[in-house]
């Protein structure tokens, strides 16, 4: 698992621990009666991939930058009450081309560029990262809501 994902998992675990230590959340969760807008079940609903070259002075591609833009939503949200049920994440990753393989952009087919982007996405667990990022955002929102309710 990459470092970015490990750090996010640590933050996610801390938020989950904060929620479990809240008596109202713990009681309702134990009785399987959490309000629908407190239930987090993130689902990646769309992702766009953009790929752009970085070239040297001789117009040879030295690496590609891939922009992954994802939108994650929550399942089982309460339709009657608005809640923060959407999370957008953008990740930009770089794929370096070995110096002996540099060539002009016109030398790359769309399929080759798409393959580079797909490999970056899979190697860096992009979909998993986006889903965990959304889960963190959603659970942080639930925790904030509970704390604000406690103050009233």
Protein backbone atom coordinates (compact mmCIF):
# COMPACT_ATOMS: atom_id res chain seq x y z
CA UNK A 1 0.00 0.00 0.00
CA UNK A 2 1.44 3.38 -0.87
CA UNK A 3 2.35 5.98 1.75
CA UNK A 4 -0.43 8.40 0.78
CA UNK A 5 -3.01 5.68 1.32
CA UNK A 6 -1.44 4.59 4.61
CA UNK A 7 -1.57 8.14 5.99
CA UNK A 8 -5.19 8.50 4.93
CA UNK A 9 -6.05 5.15 6.55
CA UNK A 10 -4.49 6.37 9.81
CA UNK A 11 -6.61 9.54 9.72
CA UNK A 12 -9.69 7.48 8.89
CA UNK A 13 -9.04 5.12 11.82
CA UNK A 14 -8.73 8.12 14.17
CA UNK A 15 -12.08 9.56 13.03
CA UNK A 16 -13.73 6.15 13.42
CA UNK A 17 -12.29 5.90 16.94
CA UNK A 18 -13.64 9.38 17.78
CA UNK A 19 -17.08 8.32 16.54
CA UNK A 20 -17.07 5.06 18.49
CA UNK A 21 -16.07 6.93 21.65
CA UNK A 22 -19.17 9.16 21.29
CA UNK A 23 -21.88 7.59 23.45
CA UNK A 24 -24.80 8.54 21.19
CA UNK A 25 -23.12 7.15 18.08
CA UNK A 26 -21.91 4.02 19.90
CA UNK A 27 -25.39 3.30 21.32
CA UNK A 28 -27.21 3.80 18.04
CA UNK A 29 -24.56 1.85 16.14
CA UNK A 30 -24.73 -1.02 18.63
CA UNK A 31 -28.52 -1.17 18.20
CA UNK A 32 -28.08 -0.98 14.40
CA UNK A 33 -30.21 2.18 14.40
CA UNK A 34 -27.90 4.87 13.03
CA UNK A 35 -29.78 7.64 11.21
CA UNK A 36 -29.60 7.11 7.45
CA UNK A 37 -27.51 10.25 6.92
CA UNK A 38 -24.95 8.95 9.44
CA UNK A 39 -24.50 5.73 7.48
CA UNK A 40 -21.43 5.88 5.28
CA UNK A 41 -21.12 3.53 2.35
CA UNK A 42 -19.04 5.38 -0.24
CA UNK A 43 -19.30 4.53 -3.91
CA UNK A 44 -17.14 5.92 -6.71
CA UNK A 45 -19.72 7.19 -9.19
CA UNK A 46 -17.46 8.80 -11.78
CA UNK A 47 -13.83 9.33 -12.63
CA UNK A 48 -12.20 11.27 -15.43
CA UNK A 49 -8.62 10.84 -16.48
CA UNK A 50 -6.58 13.51 -18.20
CA UNK A 51 -3.08 12.89 -19.45
CA UNK A 52 -0.59 15.54 -20.51
CA UNK A 53 3.02 15.30 -21.58
CA UNK A 54 6.04 17.03 -20.11
CA UNK A 55 8.68 17.57 -22.77
CA UNK A 56 12.36 18.50 -22.76
CA UNK A 57 14.00 21.14 -25.01
CA UNK A 58 14.05 18.71 -27.96
CA UNK A 59 10.25 18.19 -27.72
CA UNK A 60 10.70 14.66 -26.48
CA UNK A 61 8.29 13.40 -23.81
CA UNK A 62 10.18 12.80 -20.57
CA UNK A 63 7.10 11.94 -18.53
CA UNK A 64 3.33 12.09 -18.51
CA UNK A 65 1.18 13.75 -15.89
CA UNK A 66 -2.15 12.07 -15.27
CA UNK A 67 -4.99 13.92 -13.57
CA UNK A 68 -7.57 11.66 -11.97
CA UNK A 69 -10.77 13.48 -10.99
CA UNK A 70 -13.25 11.39 -9.06
CA UNK A 71 -16.66 11.94 -7.54
CA UNK A 72 -17.77 9.69 -4.69
CA UNK A 73 -21.28 9.61 -3.22
CA UNK A 74 -22.82 8.00 -0.17
CA UNK A 75 -25.35 5.20 -0.43
CA UNK A 76 -28.47 5.24 1.71
CA UNK A 77 -28.66 8.98 2.20
CA UNK A 78 -31.83 10.50 3.61
CA UNK A 79 -33.62 12.19 0.70
CA UNK A 80 -35.56 14.49 3.02
CA UNK A 81 -32.58 16.12 4.67
CA UNK A 82 -29.59 17.53 2.84
CA UNK A 83 -26.25 16.16 3.93
CA UNK A 84 -22.68 16.26 2.68
CA UNK A 85 -23.08 13.24 0.46
CA UNK A 86 -20.64 14.08 -2.30
CA UNK A 87 -16.87 14.16 -2.26
CA UNK A 88 -14.64 15.26 -5.12
CA UNK A 89 -10.98 14.38 -5.27
CA UNK A 90 -8.30 15.20 -7.81
CA UNK A 91 -4.98 13.38 -7.87
CA UNK A 92 -2.12 14.25 -10.21
CA UNK A 93 0.43 11.51 -10.70
CA UNK A 94 3.55 11.41 -12.83
CA UNK A 95 4.87 8.59 -14.98
CA UNK A 96 8.53 9.06 -15.87
CA UNK A 97 9.75 7.72 -19.21
CA UNK A 98 13.25 6.15 -19.11
CA UNK A 99 15.72 8.42 -20.94
CA UNK A 100 16.49 5.84 -23.62
CA UNK A 101 12.80 5.69 -24.56
CA UNK A 102 12.08 9.41 -24.99
CA UNK A 103 10.29 10.30 -28.21
CA UNK A 104 8.06 13.03 -29.60
CA UNK A 105 4.42 13.12 -28.47
CA UNK A 106 3.33 12.17 -31.98
CA UNK A 107 5.15 8.86 -31.45
CA UNK A 108 2.63 7.79 -28.79
CA UNK A 109 -0.70 6.28 -29.74
CA UNK A 110 -3.83 7.04 -27.74
CA UNK A 111 -3.77 3.42 -26.61
CA UNK A 112 -0.21 3.79 -25.26
CA UNK A 113 -1.12 6.95 -23.36
CA UNK A 114 -4.24 5.30 -21.98
CA UNK A 115 -2.17 2.30 -20.90
CA UNK A 116 0.25 4.59 -19.02
CA UNK A 117 -2.66 6.26 -17.22
CA UNK A 118 -4.27 2.90 -16.36
CA UNK A 119 -1.00 1.56 -14.96
CA UNK A 120 -0.55 4.68 -12.82
CA UNK A 121 -4.13 4.37 -11.59
CA UNK A 122 -3.70 0.72 -10.62
CA UNK A 123 -0.20 1.05 -9.12
CA UNK A 124 -1.27 3.96 -6.96
CA UNK A 125 -4.64 2.49 -5.95
CA UNK A 126 -6.39 5.66 -7.12
CA UNK A 127 -9.94 4.34 -6.79
CA UNK A 128 -9.27 3.02 -3.29
CA UNK A 129 -7.70 6.34 -2.29
CA UNK A 130 -10.70 8.33 -3.59
CA UNK A 131 -13.16 6.08 -1.78
CA UNK A 132 -11.24 6.29 1.50
CA UNK A 133 -10.88 10.07 1.11
CA UNK A 134 -14.65 10.34 0.74
CA UNK A 135 -15.26 7.99 3.68
CA UNK A 136 -12.99 10.20 5.79
CA UNK A 137 -14.83 13.36 4.63
CA UNK A 138 -18.25 11.82 5.30
CA UNK A 139 -17.36 10.44 8.73
CA UNK A 140 -15.69 13.72 9.70
CA UNK A 141 -18.97 15.45 8.74
CA UNK A 142 -20.99 13.05 10.90
CA UNK A 143 -18.63 13.61 13.84
CA UNK A 144 -18.87 17.38 13.43
CA UNK A 145 -22.68 17.19 13.30
CA UNK A 146 -22.85 15.07 16.47
CA UNK A 147 -20.51 17.41 18.35
CA UNK A 148 -22.50 20.47 17.26
CA UNK A 149 -25.74 18.76 18.34
CA UNK A 150 -24.17 18.02 21.75
CA UNK A 151 -23.40 21.72 22.20
CA UNK A 152 -27.03 22.77 21.67
